[in-house]
Protein backbone atom coordinates (compact mmCIF):
# COMPACT_ATOMS: atom_id res chain seq x y z
CA UNK A 1 9.65 0.69 -19.95
CA UNK A 2 10.75 3.32 -17.72
CA UNK A 3 10.49 7.12 -18.50
CA UNK A 4 10.62 10.37 -16.88
CA UNK A 5 8.18 11.33 -14.27
CA UNK A 6 6.58 14.99 -13.76
CA UNK A 7 4.53 16.19 -10.92
CA UNK A 8 1.63 16.26 -13.06
CA UNK A 9 -2.10 15.13 -12.15
CA UNK A 10 -3.55 14.26 -15.53
CA UNK A 11 -6.04 11.66 -14.42
CA UNK A 12 -10.20 12.96 -14.82
CA UNK A 13 -12.22 10.36 -12.51
CA UNK A 14 -10.92 12.32 -9.45
CA UNK A 15 -10.59 15.59 -10.58
CA UNK A 16 -12.91 17.23 -8.45
CA UNK A 17 -11.77 15.67 -5.38
CA UNK A 18 -10.05 18.34 -2.98
CA UNK A 19 -6.24 17.18 -3.49
CA UNK A 20 -2.69 18.66 -2.15
CA UNK A 21 0.41 17.77 -4.39
CA UNK A 22 2.69 15.67 -2.13
CA UNK A 23 4.40 13.16 -4.45
CA UNK A 24 5.79 12.60 -7.82
CA UNK A 25 3.44 11.21 -10.48
CA UNK A 26 2.71 9.34 -12.36
CA UNK A 27 5.31 6.91 -10.51
CA UNK A 28 7.23 4.43 -13.41
CA UNK A 29 6.02 1.63 -14.90
CA UNK A 30 9.09 -0.35 -15.55
CA UNK A 31 10.22 -3.51 -17.29
CA UNK A 32 11.98 -6.24 -14.88
CA UNK A 33 14.03 -8.17 -17.59
CA UNK A 34 16.01 -10.29 -15.04
CA UNK A 35 12.93 -11.31 -13.37
CA UNK A 36 11.01 -12.01 -16.67
CA UNK A 37 13.58 -14.19 -17.90
CA UNK A 38 13.79 -16.25 -14.90
CA UNK A 39 9.99 -16.32 -14.43
CA UNK A 40 9.24 -16.72 -18.01
CA UNK A 41 6.93 -13.91 -18.26
CA UNK A 42 6.88 -10.22 -19.01
CA UNK A 43 6.76 -8.80 -15.66
CA UNK A 44 6.27 -4.83 -15.37
CA UNK A 45 6.46 -3.27 -11.64
CA UNK A 46 4.57 0.26 -11.08
CA UNK A 47 6.84 1.55 -8.53
CA UNK A 48 4.53 3.11 -5.89
CA UNK A 49 7.59 2.81 -3.83
CA UNK A 50 9.17 5.92 -5.78
CA UNK A 51 6.49 8.31 -5.35
CA UNK A 52 8.37 10.56 -3.03
CA UNK A 53 6.96 12.10 0.38
CA UNK A 54 9.99 10.73 2.69
CA UNK A 55 10.16 7.11 0.95
CA UNK A 56 7.16 6.62 -1.04
CA UNK A 57 4.60 4.04 -1.24
CA UNK A 58 0.80 3.73 -1.72
CA UNK A 59 0.03 6.11 1.45
CA UNK A 60 1.77 8.60 0.28
CA UNK A 61 -0.45 8.96 -3.00
CA UNK A 62 -3.54 8.87 -0.81
CA UNK A 63 -2.55 11.20 1.63
CA UNK A 64 -2.93 13.64 -1.25
CA UNK A 65 -6.66 13.36 -0.99
CA UNK A 66 -6.84 12.94 2.57
CA UNK A 67 -4.45 16.06 3.24
CA UNK A 68 -6.60 17.92 0.77
CA UNK A 69 -9.90 17.30 2.67
CA UNK A 70 -8.52 17.66 6.24
CA UNK A 71 -6.89 21.05 5.24
CA UNK A 72 -10.25 22.09 3.60
CA UNK A 73 -12.09 21.45 7.10
CA UNK A 74 -9.54 23.40 8.76
CA UNK A 75 -7.70 20.59 10.84
CA UNK A 76 -4.21 21.03 12.06
CA UNK A 77 -3.74 17.96 13.78
CA UNK A 78 -3.76 14.20 12.11
CA UNK A 79 -4.27 11.38 14.46
CA UNK A 80 -4.01 7.69 13.45
CA UNK A 81 -3.01 4.43 15.30
CA UNK A 82 -0.96 1.37 13.38
CA UNK A 83 1.44 -1.12 14.11
CA UNK A 84 4.97 0.02 15.06
CA UNK A 85 6.53 -0.53 11.87
CA UNK A 86 3.36 0.80 9.94
CA UNK A 87 3.63 2.82 6.62
CA UNK A 88 0.92 4.58 7.02
CA UNK A 89 1.93 6.16 10.34
CA UNK A 90 5.24 7.14 8.85
CA UNK A 91 3.75 8.88 5.73
CA UNK A 92 1.40 10.53 8.06
CA UNK A 93 4.21 11.91 9.53
CA UNK A 94 5.91 13.18 6.63
CA UNK A 95 2.43 14.55 5.36
CA UNK A 96 2.28 16.87 8.49
CA UNK A 97 5.83 17.64 8.57
CA UNK A 98 5.55 18.78 4.95
CA UNK A 99 2.07 20.88 5.57
CA UNK A 100 3.26 22.51 8.94
CA UNK A 101 0.59 20.34 11.05
CA UNK A 102 0.97 18.02 13.89
CA UNK A 103 0.96 14.34 14.21
CA UNK A 104 -0.04 12.11 16.78
CA UNK A 105 0.78 8.54 16.55
CA UNK A 106 -0.63 5.93 18.43
CA UNK A 107 1.11 2.53 18.62
CA UNK A 108 -0.04 -1.20 20.78
CA UNK A 109 2.35 -0.48 23.53
CA UNK A 110 3.47 -3.89 23.95
CA UNK A 111 4.80 -4.60 20.51
CA UNK A 112 6.63 -1.17 20.37
CA UNK A 113 10.18 -2.45 21.43
CA UNK A 114 12.39 -1.41 18.30
CA UNK A 115 13.36 2.21 17.54
CA UNK A 116 14.48 1.04 14.03
CA UNK A 117 12.70 1.20 10.36
CA UNK A 118 9.70 3.27 10.06
CA UNK A 119 9.53 3.82 13.80
CA UNK A 120 12.66 5.36 13.79
CA UNK A 121 11.41 7.71 10.98
CA UNK A 122 8.29 8.60 13.06
CA UNK A 123 10.45 10.37 15.65
CA UNK A 124 12.82 11.94 12.79
CA UNK A 125 9.78 13.38 11.14
CA UNK A 126 8.82 15.09 14.41
CA UNK A 127 5.62 12.98 15.40
CA UNK A 128 4.21 12.67 18.69
CA UNK A 129 3.91 8.61 19.52
CA UNK A 130 1.81 7.66 22.16
CA UNK A 131 1.62 4.18 23.26
CA UNK A 132 -2.20 2.74 23.90
CA UNK A 133 -3.31 -0.76 25.05
CA UNK A 134 -2.04 -3.75 22.90
CA UNK A 135 -4.33 -6.01 21.37
CA UNK A 136 -6.91 -3.79 20.68
CA UNK A 137 -9.77 -4.88 18.02
CA UNK A 138 -11.43 -2.62 15.58
CA UNK A 139 -13.79 -0.75 17.92
CA UNK A 140 -11.16 -0.31 20.66
CA UNK A 141 -9.10 1.23 17.80
CA UNK A 142 -11.50 3.53 16.92
CA UNK A 143 -12.48 4.47 20.64
CA UNK A 144 -8.98 5.38 21.42
CA UNK A 145 -8.41 7.53 18.36
CA UNK A 146 -11.31 9.25 19.28
CA UNK A 147 -10.36 9.79 22.87
CA UNK A 148 -7.31 11.27 21.62
CA UNK A 149 -9.33 13.30 19.17
CA UNK A 150 -11.35 14.65 21.91
CA UNK A 151 -8.53 15.74 24.15
CA UNK A 152 -6.52 17.40 21.66
CA UNK A 153 -9.85 19.49 20.71
CA UNK A 154 -10.10 20.36 24.35
CA UNK A 155 -6.40 21.72 24.17
CA UNK A 156 -7.47 24.09 21.55
CA UNK A 157 -6.38 21.83 18.45
CA UNK A 158 -8.33 21.15 15.42
CA UNK A 159 -7.70 17.24 15.10
CA UNK A 160 -8.76 14.55 12.34
CA UNK A 161 -8.91 11.14 12.82
CA UNK A 162 -7.28 8.96 10.29
CA UNK A 163 -9.16 5.82 10.15
CA UNK A 164 -10.41 3.65 7.26
CA UNK A 165 -13.42 3.15 8.80
CA UNK A 166 -14.17 7.21 8.62
CA UNK A 167 -13.56 9.42 5.28
CA UNK A 168 -10.09 8.25 5.32
CA UNK A 169 -10.97 4.75 3.80
CA UNK A 170 -12.73 6.93 1.11
CA UNK A 171 -9.93 8.89 0.65
CA UNK A 172 -7.40 5.77 0.24
CA UNK A 173 -9.72 4.04 -2.11
CA UNK A 174 -10.09 7.16 -4.45
CA UNK A 175 -6.71 7.67 -4.56
CA UNK A 176 -6.23 4.06 -6.29
CA UNK A 177 -8.99 4.69 -8.59
CA UNK A 178 -6.62 7.64 -9.58
CA UNK A 179 -4.08 5.26 -9.88
CA UNK A 180 -5.86 2.56 -11.76
CA UNK A 181 -6.23 5.66 -14.37
CA UNK A 182 -2.81 6.57 -14.45
CA UNK A 183 -1.81 3.01 -14.96
CA UNK A 184 -3.98 2.28 -17.91
CA UNK A 185 -2.79 5.24 -19.53
CA UNK A 186 0.50 4.12 -19.08
CA UNK A 187 -0.26 0.56 -20.75
CA UNK A 188 -1.91 2.23 -23.39
CA UNK A 189 1.08 4.47 -24.05
CA UNK A 190 3.14 0.95 -24.27
CA UNK A 191 0.69 -1.02 -26.25
CA UNK A 192 0.70 -3.32 -23.09
CA UNK A 193 -2.30 -5.60 -22.21
CA UNK A 194 -1.25 -7.42 -19.27
CA UNK A 195 -3.36 -10.44 -17.99
CA UNK A 196 -3.40 -9.33 -14.58
CA UNK A 197 -2.12 -6.67 -11.86
CA UNK A 198 -0.89 -8.08 -8.76
CA UNK A 199 -1.28 -5.84 -5.63
CA UNK A 200 -1.37 -6.61 -1.63
CA UNK A 201 -4.45 -6.30 0.28
CA UNK A 202 -4.28 -5.60 3.52
CA UNK A 203 -7.38 -3.49 5.10
CA UNK A 204 -8.61 -3.45 1.29
CA UNK A 205 -8.85 0.08 0.19
CA UNK A 206 -6.00 0.13 -2.22
CA UNK A 207 -7.03 -3.10 -4.15
CA UNK A 208 -10.58 -1.82 -4.05
CA UNK A 209 -9.77 1.60 -5.63
CA UNK A 210 -7.53 -0.06 -8.12
CA UNK A 211 -10.20 -2.84 -9.25
CA UNK A 212 -13.08 -0.24 -9.35
CA UNK A 213 -10.96 2.14 -11.17
CA UNK A 214 -9.64 -0.63 -13.95
CA UNK A 215 -13.41 -1.59 -14.13
CA UNK A 216 -14.41 1.88 -14.61
CA UNK A 217 -12.31 2.15 -17.40
CA UNK A 218 -13.16 -1.20 -19.18
CA UNK A 219 -9.46 -2.36 -18.75
CA UNK A 220 -9.23 -5.96 -19.76
CA UNK A 221 -6.72 -6.48 -16.90
CA UNK A 222 -8.03 -8.31 -13.83
CA UNK A 223 -6.51 -7.21 -10.55
CA UNK A 224 -5.16 -9.80 -7.94
CA UNK A 225 -5.27 -8.93 -4.54
CA UNK A 226 -2.56 -10.95 -2.24
CA UNK A 227 -4.40 -11.19 1.16
CA UNK A 228 -1.69 -10.21 3.80
CA UNK A 229 -3.17 -11.11 7.14
CA UNK A 230 -7.00 -11.50 6.46
CA UNK A 231 -8.94 -14.41 4.81
CA UNK A 232 -10.68 -13.69 1.35
CA UNK A 233 -14.06 -14.46 2.54
CA UNK A 234 -13.19 -12.10 5.46
CA UNK A 235 -11.69 -9.31 3.41
CA UNK A 236 -13.99 -9.24 0.39
CA UNK A 237 -17.21 -7.48 2.03
CA UNK A 238 -14.82 -4.60 3.33
CA UNK A 239 -13.40 -4.11 -0.06
CA UNK A 240 -16.68 -3.97 -1.71
CA UNK A 241 -17.82 -1.53 1.04
CA UNK A 242 -14.94 0.94 0.34
CA UNK A 243 -15.39 0.70 -3.36
CA UNK A 244 -18.82 1.56 -2.86
CA UNK A 245 -18.14 4.68 -0.71
CA UNK A 246 -15.52 5.80 -3.20
CA UNK A 247 -18.50 4.87 -6.28
CA UNK A 248 -20.51 7.21 -4.40
CA UNK A 249 -17.72 10.13 -3.66
CA UNK A 250 -16.66 10.17 -7.23
CA UNK A 251 -20.14 9.92 -8.81
CA UNK A 252 -19.20 6.76 -10.67
CA UNK A 253 -21.81 4.60 -12.42
CA UNK A 254 -19.92 1.30 -12.14
CA UNK A 255 -20.52 -0.62 -8.87
CA UNK A 256 -17.46 -3.18 -8.05
CA UNK A 257 -18.77 -6.71 -7.51
CA UNK A 258 -17.15 -9.77 -6.27
CA UNK A 259 -16.49 -11.35 -9.88
CA UNK A 260 -14.66 -8.02 -10.93
CA UNK A 261 -11.23 -9.28 -9.00
CA UNK A 262 -9.15 -12.15 -7.67
CA UNK A 263 -8.27 -12.48 -4.09
CA UNK A 264 -5.24 -14.50 -3.33
CA UNK A 265 -4.91 -15.95 0.48
CA UNK A 266 -2.40 -18.30 -0.06
CA UNK A 267 0.57 -16.60 1.29
CA UNK A 268 -0.96 -15.34 4.66
CA UNK A 269 1.34 -18.15 6.41
CA UNK A 270 1.48 -17.44 10.35
CA UNK A 271 -0.11 -13.87 9.89
CA UNK A 272 1.04 -10.08 9.57
CA UNK A 273 4.72 -9.47 9.53
CA UNK A 274 6.01 -12.78 9.99
CA UNK A 275 8.68 -13.99 7.78
CA UNK A 276 8.94 -17.37 6.23
CA UNK A 277 11.16 -19.13 4.51
CA UNK A 278 9.63 -18.49 1.16
CA UNK A 279 9.26 -14.70 1.95
CA UNK A 280 13.20 -14.44 2.52
CA UNK A 281 13.62 -16.49 -0.71
CA UNK A 282 11.70 -14.18 -3.17
CA UNK A 283 12.94 -11.01 -1.22
CA UNK A 284 16.60 -12.31 -2.24
CA UNK A 285 15.24 -13.37 -5.63
CA UNK A 286 14.01 -9.85 -6.46
CA UNK A 287 16.98 -7.87 -4.73
CA UNK A 288 19.36 -10.04 -6.99
CA UNK A 289 17.56 -10.11 -10.14
CA UNK A 290 16.07 -6.37 -10.05
CA UNK A 291 17.93 -4.56 -7.63
CA UNK A 292 14.70 -3.68 -5.72
CA UNK A 293 14.29 -4.80 -2.30
CA UNK A 294 10.78 -5.76 -1.05
CA UNK A 295 9.43 -5.39 2.26
CA UNK A 296 8.80 -8.51 4.10
CA UNK A 297 5.22 -7.53 5.42
CA UNK A 298 3.35 -6.52 2.17
CA UNK A 299 5.36 -6.69 -1.06
CA UNK A 300 7.32 -9.75 -0.57
CA UNK A 301 3.85 -11.73 -0.16
CA UNK A 302 2.81 -10.18 -3.38
CA UNK A 303 5.55 -11.44 -5.27
CA UNK A 304 5.65 -14.75 -3.62
CA UNK A 305 2.09 -15.17 -5.08
CA UNK A 306 2.93 -14.02 -8.53
CA UNK A 307 5.70 -16.23 -8.34
CA UNK A 308 3.52 -19.44 -7.31
CA UNK A 309 0.96 -18.44 -9.76
CA UNK A 310 3.62 -18.60 -12.48
CA UNK A 311 5.14 -21.81 -11.46
CA UNK A 312 1.96 -23.51 -11.05
CA UNK A 313 0.77 -22.39 -14.68
CA UNK A 314 -2.06 -20.17 -13.40
CA UNK A 315 -0.23 -17.71 -15.13
CA UNK A 316 0.62 -18.89 -18.94
CA UNK A 317 4.30 -18.59 -20.17
CA UNK A 318 4.95 -15.44 -22.05
CA UNK A 319 2.26 -13.79 -20.48
CA UNK A 320 2.37 -9.70 -19.62
CA UNK A 321 2.17 -9.15 -16.06
CA UNK A 322 2.24 -6.05 -13.77
CA UNK A 323 3.20 -5.96 -10.01
CA UNK A 324 2.39 -2.91 -7.78
CA UNK A 325 5.00 -2.06 -5.37
CA UNK A 326 3.17 -0.25 -2.83
CA UNK A 327 6.26 0.43 -0.92
CA UNK A 328 7.12 -0.11 2.68
CA UNK A 329 11.16 -0.49 2.47
CA UNK A 330 12.16 0.93 5.50
CA UNK A 331 10.17 -1.60 7.88
CA UNK A 332 13.09 -4.43 6.27
CA UNK A 333 15.29 -2.97 8.48
CA UNK A 334 13.75 -4.28 11.63
CA UNK A 335 13.36 -7.90 10.25
CA UNK A 336 16.98 -8.28 10.20
CA UNK A 337 17.21 -11.12 12.58
CA UNK A 338 14.66 -13.02 10.50
CA UNK A 339 16.10 -12.20 6.91
CA UNK A 340 19.57 -13.71 8.09
CA UNK A 341 18.03 -16.91 9.68
CA UNK A 342 20.05 -19.85 9.09
CA UNK A 343 17.68 -21.21 6.19
CA UNK A 344 18.33 -17.65 4.33
CA UNK A 345 22.07 -18.38 4.81
CA UNK A 346 21.79 -21.79 3.60
CA UNK A 347 19.52 -21.01 0.60
CA UNK A 348 22.14 -18.09 -0.30
CA UNK A 349 25.37 -20.14 0.30
CA UNK A 350 23.31 -22.67 -2.26
CA UNK A 351 23.09 -20.47 -4.96
CA UNK A 352 26.67 -19.10 -4.49
C-alpha cells in the first residue's frame, strides 16, 4: 500500500501542542513485496525517511514540535551536541535554515575526521560547527551545551538547547505519539492488524512515543524497540521517563509501563556505528529486494532484528509486520570502506 501524501495534520492527541509545519505528512506506509516473499511474512515499511526537510527521518517530524515551542518562546539560535554523523544535528541545521534561525552544532572533536554524509550537510545548511572535548558523559555534554548557551546569550542571541534531558525530550516523544496516531489511521484504512512494529531505540524518545501512542489508542500491535547501543535494562528507565513526561504534557490518562513494549538488544554488536558482517548483508538484502538503502547505525540493526526474529520463528510465517525506517541515509557514505570490506565482497560474489 502506498498512496499520495499531503502536508496535513489530522491527529487529535497532539493538536494543542505548539507546532510548525516542516515535513510532508502522512509519511507513506508501503508494502515490501520482495522482502515479504523472501522472509515469508507480510512486511510494510513506514517511510519516515521520506518526511522531507532536507533528507527526512524521525528528527524531521519531532522538530515540528520542538521548533513550534522554541519559536513561541522567542528563541533565534538552536544549540545541540551529537556525533559527527548525527541525523539530529543535520535536521536541526535544516530546520534552522528553513526558519531563518542560527544553528550551533557541537561535535566530539577527536572523532570529527570526515567531511562526508551528514557532516557535509551540516556545512551546506549553514550551521556553525564547533568541536568540544571527546568522550563527554551525559553531564559533560549538558555542561558544554549550557556553556555555549550562556556565551551566545551574552552576545545578544536568544539561544535554546536541544537536549533530550530538557524539553526537547518531551518534544521528541510527543512527536511519536502523533506518529502512532498517524500509523494507526493508515493501518485501519488498509484493514491491517500487524503483530509487531519494529523501530530503532537509541536515546529512547521515539520508541517511547510510539509505544505510548499505540497503547493509548488501544492498538493490538506490539512495539518492538531495537536497541542501538544500550542494553534493554539500561534503556528502559529512560523510555518510561520520557513517556511519562509526554503523558503529562499531553494530558493523557494512559501510562506506559515496562510490559507494554519489547526491547531487543541482540543486535548491539560492538556498539554504536560499528558495521558487522550481518549489517552489511541486511543492507544489501533490503537494497536489492526493495530499492531502499538502510543506514548502518540505526535502521540496518532494526532490519537485522526483524530478519532474525522471522528466521528463529519468533515471528510466525505469514504474519503482518511493520518496520519504521527512521532515516539516516546520508551517513552511509561515511561507511563506504566498512560496507565494501572483503566479507561483503565475498557475499556479493556468492549471490551473483
